[in-house]
Amino acid sequence: MKSLAVRLLAGAASIVAVSASAWAQPSDQAVEIAGKYIIVDGHVDAPSTIAEAGADIAEGTKTVDFDYERAKAGGLDAPFMSIYVAADYEEKGGAKARADILIGLMEGVAALYPEKFEIAYSPKDVRRIFEDGKIALPLGMENGSPIEGDLANLKHFYDRGIRYVTLAHSKSNHISDSSYDDNKRWDGLSPFGFEVVRAMNDLGIMVDVSHLSDAAIEDVLLTTRAPVIASHSSLRHFTPEWERNLSDDLVRKIGENGGVVMINYGSAFLNTAANKYNEPARAARDAEEKRLGREMTEAEREAFQAAWLAEHPYPFASLDQVLDHIDRAVELAGIDHVGLGSDYDGVGDTLPVGLKDASSYPVLIDGLLARDYDEAAIEKILGANALRVWEEVEAARKKRKW
């Protein structure tokens, strides 16, 4: 959910704003396309915003990047709500309970605002809800820790509506190694992790390989008998040596698996300058604390961060850089294996110029049109590819006694 760059920005007293004049106004053609086809976003962190800030995504109160009004303006039809459980729950306990709470919050949103939202349990539901003019809310669980070593809990979450599971998050857990964690305790999946992948196939839950180590993704691809997703990942080609993004080889293999790579909008995922932004900032902070002979207070740290930002503006990604990732993913995996996973509400104020919230999908569409994608290809990227994978995962289910 939160990158290091996000945590640096979050503590700043002021952030260099992007001029509204820099935002492109979408064409009528792009707006029409956004309304015509189902747009699926693989990863939106609104449940955590609701839980932590009391956001009301129906009314737009205390929301960040996603709410009903902006989603409707952008043509967003099926944002996967991220049931995010932080990595520290693995050790302290309570992961299953935390996931259940967040699922309950989303069920509550749908119950309170039935004219606006409905939980989607299948691609068929998504299409019906789209025809009804409402926003579908499919659920994906970010971090497999809530399974708590018991496949019965996986069935429990399927019954509650979870339709993909990101096997790990920022730390290796009892299922899989994480790309963020230097401690690769399993060298891929754990023995139980192989069982989890097979059980997810049996249930019809999509396996999400975002956040996993390269070795773990390889293990998943060798084990699964259904297509996988990378719900919110971009390409390592543009951020060399950063394992959180996918290597060219893994993008190709996900395409060969029949899966879909869903491009993350966070600037740190898109360009090297943003990806490395923290390093000089951290060094400067350490040097200042060395000069002071002590650690800064919280207020001093916030002031220091604000001053650093003022002198070193954050290198927001551009629309063209998002399109570069899409182009390369299409080149490597094929047009049938690329989608969108914005990470709205999850990457703080690091979103690209022009793609700052859920109203901006037509801006992306204009960019795709400018790069000579035809309407059929755009439909696939916007959501048809993701729905196709979901349908294939459903088709691969096996009846099993739990």
Protein backbone atom coordinates (compact mmCIF):
# COMPACT_ATOMS: atom_id res chain seq x y z
CA MET A 1 0.00 0.00 0.00
CA LYS A 2 2.30 2.79 1.19
CA SER A 3 5.67 3.23 -0.55
CA LEU A 4 8.67 4.88 1.09
CA ALA A 5 8.11 7.96 -1.08
CA VAL A 6 4.54 8.18 0.14
CA ARG A 7 5.64 8.08 3.78
CA LEU A 8 8.11 10.91 3.14
CA LEU A 9 5.47 13.03 1.46
CA ALA A 10 2.86 12.29 4.10
CA GLY A 11 4.83 14.04 6.80
CA ALA A 12 5.44 17.21 4.85
CA ALA A 13 3.68 20.40 5.86
CA SER A 14 3.21 21.39 2.23
CA ILE A 15 3.55 19.63 -1.06
CA VAL A 16 4.40 21.28 -4.34
CA ALA A 17 1.11 21.36 -6.20
CA VAL A 18 0.63 20.46 -9.82
CA SER A 19 -0.97 23.32 -11.71
CA ALA A 20 -4.48 22.56 -12.88
CA SER A 21 -3.54 24.02 -16.24
CA ALA A 22 -1.17 21.08 -16.70
CA TRP A 23 -4.08 18.66 -16.66
CA ALA A 24 -5.36 17.65 -20.06
CA GLN A 25 -9.06 18.00 -20.74
CA PRO A 26 -10.31 14.74 -22.23
CA SER A 27 -11.81 14.67 -25.69
CA ASP A 28 -15.45 13.87 -26.33
CA GLN A 29 -14.31 10.64 -28.00
CA ALA A 30 -12.42 9.56 -24.88
CA VAL A 31 -15.37 10.35 -22.61
CA GLU A 32 -17.64 8.37 -24.93
CA ILE A 33 -15.31 5.35 -24.87
CA ALA A 34 -15.06 5.53 -21.07
CA GLY A 35 -18.83 5.35 -20.83
CA LYS A 36 -19.25 2.68 -23.48
CA TYR A 37 -16.97 -0.02 -22.08
CA ILE A 38 -16.58 -1.54 -18.63
CA ILE A 39 -13.54 -0.09 -16.86
CA VAL A 40 -12.00 -2.41 -14.28
CA ASP A 41 -9.32 -1.13 -11.92
CA GLY A 42 -7.37 -3.89 -10.22
CA HIS A 43 -6.55 -2.06 -7.01
CA VAL A 44 -8.19 0.81 -5.10
CA ASP A 45 -7.43 1.25 -1.39
CA ALA A 46 -10.71 2.93 -0.45
CA PRO A 47 -11.56 0.44 2.34
CA SER A 48 -8.54 1.58 4.34
CA THR A 49 -9.49 5.23 3.78
CA ILE A 50 -12.95 4.45 5.12
CA ALA A 51 -11.55 2.59 8.13
CA GLU A 52 -8.79 5.04 9.01
CA ALA A 53 -10.25 8.43 8.05
CA GLY A 54 -13.99 7.85 8.21
CA ALA A 55 -14.30 8.51 4.48
CA ASP A 56 -17.71 8.31 2.82
CA ILE A 57 -17.10 7.25 -0.78
CA ALA A 58 -20.78 7.73 -1.66
CA GLU A 59 -20.86 11.39 -0.62
CA GLY A 60 -17.20 12.25 -1.25
CA THR A 61 -16.48 13.16 2.37
CA LYS A 62 -12.86 12.74 3.54
CA THR A 63 -12.07 10.75 0.41
CA VAL A 64 -8.70 10.83 -1.33
CA ASP A 65 -8.65 9.64 -4.95
CA PHE A 66 -11.80 7.55 -5.29
CA ASP A 67 -15.45 8.28 -4.62
CA TYR A 68 -18.75 7.83 -6.43
CA GLU A 69 -18.91 11.19 -8.18
CA ARG A 70 -15.37 11.07 -9.53
CA ALA A 71 -15.67 7.41 -10.53
CA LYS A 72 -18.84 8.13 -12.50
CA ALA A 73 -17.17 11.14 -14.14
CA GLY A 74 -14.25 8.94 -15.19
CA GLY A 75 -16.34 5.99 -16.32
CA LEU A 76 -14.91 3.66 -13.66
CA ASP A 77 -17.28 0.72 -13.31
CA ALA A 78 -15.55 -2.02 -11.31
CA PRO A 79 -12.75 -0.93 -8.96
CA PHE A 80 -11.45 -3.86 -6.93
CA MET A 81 -11.67 -2.74 -3.34
CA SER A 82 -8.43 -3.65 -1.57
CA ILE A 83 -9.00 -5.49 1.69
CA TYR A 84 -5.53 -4.48 2.86
CA VAL A 85 -4.07 -6.15 5.95
CA ALA A 86 -0.69 -4.76 7.00
CA ALA A 87 2.27 -7.11 7.21
CA ASP A 88 2.69 -6.70 10.97
CA TYR A 89 -0.56 -8.61 11.58
CA GLU A 90 1.37 -11.76 10.65
CA GLU A 91 3.26 -11.58 13.93
CA LYS A 92 0.92 -9.71 16.24
CA GLY A 93 -2.18 -11.66 15.22
CA GLY A 94 -5.65 -10.46 14.27
CA ALA A 95 -5.16 -10.61 10.49
CA LYS A 96 -8.36 -12.54 9.81
CA ALA A 97 -10.37 -10.23 12.05
CA ARG A 98 -8.95 -7.15 10.33
CA ALA A 99 -9.90 -8.49 6.90
CA ASP A 100 -13.41 -9.33 8.12
CA ILE A 101 -13.83 -5.79 9.46
CA LEU A 102 -12.87 -4.23 6.12
CA ILE A 103 -15.15 -6.57 4.19
CA GLY A 104 -17.94 -5.62 6.57
CA LEU A 105 -17.30 -1.94 5.91
CA MET A 106 -17.70 -2.47 2.17
CA GLU A 107 -20.86 -4.51 2.70
CA GLY A 108 -22.11 -1.60 4.79
CA VAL A 109 -21.37 0.91 2.03
CA ALA A 110 -23.31 -1.19 -0.48
CA ALA A 111 -26.22 -1.60 1.96
CA LEU A 112 -26.37 2.13 2.77
CA TYR A 113 -26.16 3.26 -0.86
CA PRO A 114 -27.80 0.54 -2.98
CA GLU A 115 -28.55 3.05 -5.73
CA LYS A 116 -24.83 3.72 -6.18
CA PHE A 117 -22.86 0.60 -5.27
CA GLU A 118 -23.19 -3.17 -5.26
CA ILE A 119 -20.69 -5.84 -4.23
CA ALA A 120 -19.76 -7.91 -7.31
CA TYR A 121 -19.05 -11.61 -6.85
CA SER A 122 -18.54 -12.54 -10.51
CA PRO A 123 -17.92 -11.02 -13.95
CA LYS A 124 -21.61 -11.64 -14.61
CA ASP A 125 -22.41 -9.43 -11.63
CA VAL A 126 -20.08 -6.72 -12.94
CA ARG A 127 -21.85 -6.68 -16.29
CA ARG A 128 -25.31 -6.59 -14.73
CA ILE A 129 -24.34 -3.80 -12.31
CA PHE A 130 -22.84 -1.86 -15.22
CA GLU A 131 -26.10 -2.14 -17.15
CA ASP A 132 -27.95 -0.94 -14.04
CA GLY A 133 -25.82 2.22 -14.03
CA LYS A 134 -24.21 1.52 -10.66
CA ILE A 135 -20.59 0.96 -9.63
CA ALA A 136 -19.61 -2.64 -8.95
CA LEU A 137 -17.36 -3.26 -5.96
CA PRO A 138 -15.48 -6.54 -6.35
CA LEU A 139 -13.20 -7.40 -3.43
CA GLY A 140 -9.53 -8.36 -3.48
CA MET A 141 -7.51 -9.16 -0.36
CA GLU A 142 -4.05 -7.57 -0.22
CA ASN A 143 -1.86 -9.89 1.85
CA GLY A 144 -2.53 -13.57 2.51
CA SER A 145 -1.86 -13.29 6.26
CA PRO A 146 -5.61 -13.49 7.09
CA ILE A 147 -5.61 -17.10 5.87
CA GLU A 148 -3.67 -17.82 9.09
CA GLY A 149 -2.41 -21.22 7.96
CA ASP A 150 -5.87 -22.73 7.51
CA LEU A 151 -7.41 -23.39 4.08
CA ALA A 152 -10.85 -23.24 5.72
CA ASN A 153 -10.20 -19.51 6.15
CA LEU A 154 -9.61 -19.22 2.41
CA LYS A 155 -13.06 -20.71 1.83
CA HIS A 156 -14.44 -18.32 4.46
CA PHE A 157 -13.10 -15.34 2.53
CA TYR A 158 -14.39 -16.69 -0.76
CA ASP A 159 -17.83 -16.95 0.82
CA ARG A 160 -17.50 -13.34 1.98
CA GLY A 161 -16.74 -12.17 -1.57
CA ILE A 162 -12.97 -12.15 -1.92
CA ARG A 163 -12.11 -12.83 -5.56
CA TYR A 164 -8.37 -12.36 -5.54
CA VAL A 165 -5.67 -12.67 -2.91
CA THR A 166 -2.29 -10.93 -3.08
CA LEU A 167 -0.28 -13.66 -1.39
CA ALA A 168 2.09 -11.37 0.54
CA HIS A 169 2.64 -7.67 1.11
CA SER A 170 5.71 -5.83 2.43
CA LYS A 171 7.10 -8.72 4.46
CA SER A 172 7.45 -12.41 3.78
CA ASN A 173 4.62 -14.31 5.46
CA HIS A 174 3.60 -17.93 5.99
CA ILE A 175 2.59 -18.21 2.33
CA SER A 176 5.19 -16.39 0.26
CA ASP A 177 8.29 -14.23 0.13
CA SER A 178 7.81 -10.52 -0.54
CA SER A 179 9.65 -8.41 -3.10
CA TYR A 180 10.16 -5.75 -0.41
CA ASP A 181 11.69 -8.10 2.17
CA ASP A 182 15.41 -8.91 2.08
CA ASN A 183 14.66 -11.97 4.20
CA LYS A 184 13.59 -14.47 1.55
CA ARG A 185 12.70 -17.11 4.09
CA TRP A 186 11.14 -19.56 1.60
CA ASP A 187 13.07 -18.82 -1.59
CA GLY A 188 9.66 -18.44 -3.22
CA LEU A 189 6.44 -19.93 -1.90
CA SER A 190 6.29 -21.77 1.40
CA PRO A 191 5.12 -25.41 1.38
CA PHE A 192 1.73 -24.12 2.56
CA GLY A 193 1.85 -21.48 -0.18
CA PHE A 194 1.76 -24.18 -2.86
CA GLU A 195 -1.34 -25.57 -1.17
CA VAL A 196 -2.90 -22.10 -1.11
CA VAL A 197 -2.39 -21.59 -4.87
CA ARG A 198 -3.98 -24.94 -5.66
CA ALA A 199 -6.88 -24.24 -3.28
CA MET A 200 -7.43 -20.82 -4.85
CA ASN A 201 -7.64 -22.49 -8.25
CA ASP A 202 -10.18 -24.95 -6.84
CA LEU A 203 -12.32 -22.18 -5.36
CA GLY A 204 -12.12 -19.76 -8.26
CA ILE A 205 -10.07 -17.08 -6.50
CA MET A 206 -7.57 -15.24 -8.68
CA VAL A 207 -3.93 -15.49 -7.57
CA ASP A 208 -2.39 -12.01 -7.42
CA VAL A 209 1.40 -11.92 -7.80
CA SER A 210 1.90 -8.21 -7.08
CA HIS A 211 4.29 -7.71 -4.14
CA LEU A 212 5.80 -11.19 -4.49
CA SER A 213 9.48 -11.97 -4.97
CA ASP A 214 10.57 -13.13 -8.40
CA ALA A 215 11.10 -16.66 -7.11
CA ALA A 216 7.61 -16.72 -5.59
CA ILE A 217 6.05 -15.56 -8.87
CA GLU A 218 7.93 -18.32 -10.68
CA ASP A 219 6.57 -20.83 -8.15
CA VAL A 220 3.03 -19.56 -8.66
CA LEU A 221 3.31 -19.82 -12.45
CA LEU A 222 4.63 -23.38 -12.19
CA THR A 223 1.81 -24.38 -9.79
CA THR A 224 -1.34 -22.65 -10.98
CA ARG A 225 -3.69 -24.22 -13.49
CA ALA A 226 -5.51 -20.93 -14.06
CA PRO A 227 -4.40 -17.48 -15.24
CA VAL A 228 -2.95 -15.11 -12.64
CA ILE A 229 -3.10 -11.36 -12.21
CA ALA A 230 -0.62 -8.71 -11.14
CA SER A 231 -3.28 -6.38 -9.73
CA HIS A 232 -1.09 -3.28 -9.37
CA SER A 233 2.41 -3.67 -10.78
CA SER A 234 4.43 -1.87 -13.44
CA LEU A 235 7.59 -2.77 -15.36
CA ARG A 236 11.07 -3.09 -13.91
CA HIS A 237 12.57 -2.08 -17.26
CA PHE A 238 11.83 1.53 -16.25
CA THR A 239 12.90 1.12 -12.58
CA PRO A 240 15.98 -1.12 -12.81
CA GLU A 241 16.74 -3.46 -9.90
CA TRP A 242 13.45 -2.69 -8.11
CA GLU A 243 11.92 -6.12 -7.53
CA ARG A 244 8.45 -4.78 -6.72
CA ASN A 245 7.98 -4.12 -10.44
CA LEU A 246 7.90 -7.02 -12.88
CA SER A 247 10.88 -8.07 -14.98
CA ASP A 248 10.45 -8.39 -18.73
CA ASP A 249 10.74 -12.16 -18.39
CA LEU A 250 7.94 -12.32 -15.82
CA VAL A 251 5.70 -10.08 -17.91
CA ARG A 252 6.17 -12.49 -20.83
CA LYS A 253 5.47 -15.50 -18.61
CA ILE A 254 2.29 -13.94 -17.20
CA GLY A 255 1.16 -13.42 -20.77
CA GLU A 256 1.99 -17.04 -21.63
CA ASN A 257 0.01 -18.09 -18.54
CA GLY A 258 -3.00 -16.22 -19.92
CA GLY A 259 -2.92 -13.69 -17.09
CA VAL A 260 -3.03 -9.91 -16.98
CA VAL A 261 -0.50 -7.28 -15.83
CA MET A 262 -2.37 -4.28 -14.41
CA ILE A 263 -0.26 -1.12 -14.53
CA ASN A 264 0.27 0.81 -11.27
CA TYR A 265 0.02 4.63 -11.44
CA GLY A 266 2.32 5.47 -8.51
CA SER A 267 5.18 7.65 -9.79
CA ALA A 268 7.73 5.47 -7.98
CA PHE A 269 6.51 2.58 -10.12
CA LEU A 270 6.90 4.59 -13.31
CA ASN A 271 10.21 6.48 -13.32
CA THR A 272 13.60 6.12 -11.69
CA ALA A 273 13.72 9.66 -10.30
CA ALA A 274 10.59 9.06 -8.21
CA ASN A 275 11.68 5.53 -7.34
CA LYS A 276 14.99 6.81 -5.93
CA TYR A 277 13.59 10.06 -4.49
CA ASN A 278 13.90 9.00 -0.86
CA GLU A 279 17.58 8.17 -0.96
CA PRO A 280 19.05 11.72 -1.02
CA ALA A 281 16.27 12.97 1.27
CA ARG A 282 17.07 10.30 3.83
CA ALA A 283 20.80 11.01 3.56
CA ALA A 284 20.20 14.73 4.10
CA ARG A 285 18.01 14.03 7.14
CA ASP A 286 20.63 11.70 8.61
CA ALA A 287 23.30 14.36 8.08
CA GLU A 288 21.18 16.96 9.84
CA GLU A 289 20.61 14.66 12.81
CA LYS A 290 24.34 14.00 12.96
CA ARG A 291 24.95 17.77 13.01
CA LEU A 292 22.39 18.17 15.80
CA GLY A 293 23.87 15.25 17.70
CA ARG A 294 20.43 13.75 18.27
CA GLU A 295 17.31 12.54 16.51
CA MET A 296 14.90 15.22 15.35
CA THR A 297 11.61 15.68 17.08
CA GLU A 298 8.50 14.88 15.07
CA ALA A 299 7.89 18.59 14.45
CA GLU A 300 11.49 19.12 13.34
CA ARG A 301 11.27 16.15 11.01
CA GLU A 302 8.08 17.45 9.43
CA ALA A 303 9.63 20.88 8.95
CA PHE A 304 12.76 19.34 7.47
CA GLN A 305 10.71 17.24 5.05
CA ALA A 306 8.65 20.28 4.00
CA ALA A 307 11.82 22.28 3.34
CA TRP A 308 13.33 19.37 1.40
CA LEU A 309 10.23 19.12 -0.79
CA ALA A 310 10.27 22.86 -1.46
CA GLU A 311 13.86 22.69 -2.68
CA HIS A 312 13.58 19.29 -4.39
CA PRO A 313 10.13 19.00 -6.01
CA TYR A 314 8.83 15.49 -6.28
CA PRO A 315 9.34 14.10 -9.83
CA PHE A 316 5.75 13.20 -10.65
CA ALA A 317 5.39 10.77 -13.53
CA SER A 318 3.77 11.92 -16.75
CA LEU A 319 0.93 10.43 -18.73
CA ASP A 320 3.49 9.46 -21.36
CA GLN A 321 5.40 7.41 -18.80
CA VAL A 322 2.24 5.48 -17.89
CA LEU A 323 1.70 4.85 -21.58
CA ASP A 324 5.32 3.71 -21.96
CA HIS A 325 4.66 0.97 -19.40
CA ILE A 326 1.47 -0.04 -21.19
CA ASP A 327 3.25 -0.11 -24.54
CA ARG A 328 6.05 -2.29 -23.25
CA ALA A 329 3.69 -4.67 -21.46
CA VAL A 330 1.71 -5.03 -24.69
CA GLU A 331 4.92 -5.67 -26.60
CA LEU A 332 6.07 -8.32 -24.12
CA ALA A 333 2.83 -10.07 -23.14
CA GLY A 334 0.37 -9.15 -25.91
CA ILE A 335 -2.65 -6.90 -26.06
CA ASP A 336 -4.82 -9.52 -24.32
CA HIS A 337 -2.71 -9.43 -21.15
CA VAL A 338 -2.55 -5.79 -20.02
CA GLY A 339 -4.89 -3.85 -17.74
CA LEU A 340 -5.05 -1.05 -15.17
CA GLY A 341 -4.31 -1.19 -11.43
CA SER A 342 -4.07 2.46 -10.41
CA ASP A 343 -3.43 1.96 -6.67
CA TYR A 344 -5.70 4.95 -6.01
CA ASP A 345 -5.83 5.80 -2.30
CA GLY A 346 -2.70 3.69 -1.83
CA VAL A 347 0.19 5.77 -3.18
CA GLY A 348 -0.54 9.12 -1.58
CA ASP A 349 0.33 12.28 -3.49
CA THR A 350 2.60 10.48 -5.97
CA LEU A 351 0.13 10.03 -8.82
CA PRO A 352 1.04 11.14 -12.36
CA VAL A 353 0.16 14.53 -13.77
CA GLY A 354 -3.31 14.26 -15.29
CA LEU A 355 -4.19 10.98 -13.57
CA LYS A 356 -4.73 12.28 -10.05
CA ASP A 357 -8.05 10.62 -9.24
CA ALA A 358 -10.80 8.31 -10.45
CA SER A 359 -12.20 10.90 -12.83
CA SER A 360 -9.15 10.70 -15.09
CA TYR A 361 -9.61 7.50 -17.12
CA PRO A 362 -10.67 9.49 -20.23
CA VAL A 363 -7.29 11.28 -20.07
CA LEU A 364 -5.58 7.90 -20.27
CA ILE A 365 -7.87 6.90 -23.13
CA ASP A 366 -6.84 10.00 -25.07
CA GLY A 367 -3.23 8.97 -24.56
CA LEU A 368 -3.95 5.50 -25.89
CA LEU A 369 -5.73 6.97 -28.91
CA ALA A 370 -2.75 9.24 -29.58
CA ARG A 371 -0.53 6.14 -29.63
CA ASP A 372 -2.75 4.52 -32.25
CA TYR A 373 -4.53 1.98 -30.08
CA ASP A 374 -7.85 1.20 -31.71
CA GLU A 375 -11.09 0.99 -29.80
CA ALA A 376 -11.02 -2.79 -29.56
CA ALA A 377 -7.54 -2.71 -27.97
CA ILE A 378 -8.57 0.07 -25.59
CA GLU A 379 -11.59 -1.93 -24.47
CA LYS A 380 -9.28 -4.82 -23.59
CA ILE A 381 -6.91 -2.64 -21.55
CA LEU A 382 -9.75 -0.85 -19.76
CA GLY A 383 -11.36 -4.00 -18.45
CA ALA A 384 -12.10 -6.78 -20.93
CA ASN A 385 -8.78 -8.50 -20.25
CA ALA A 386 -9.34 -8.51 -16.50
CA LEU A 387 -12.89 -9.82 -16.89
CA ARG A 388 -11.67 -12.54 -19.26
CA VAL A 389 -9.08 -13.72 -16.71
CA TRP A 390 -11.69 -13.70 -13.95
CA GLU A 391 -14.02 -15.80 -16.13
CA GLU A 392 -11.23 -18.28 -16.91
CA VAL A 393 -10.42 -18.61 -13.21
CA GLU A 394 -14.10 -19.32 -12.54
CA ALA A 395 -14.13 -21.90 -15.32
CA ALA A 396 -11.10 -23.68 -13.82
CA ARG A 397 -12.85 -24.27 -10.48
CA LYS A 398 -13.18 -27.77 -9.12
CA LYS A 399 -15.85 -28.95 -6.75
CA ARG A 400 -14.19 -29.71 -3.44
CA LYS A 401 -15.42 -30.56 0.03
CA TRP A 402 -14.18 -28.07 2.60
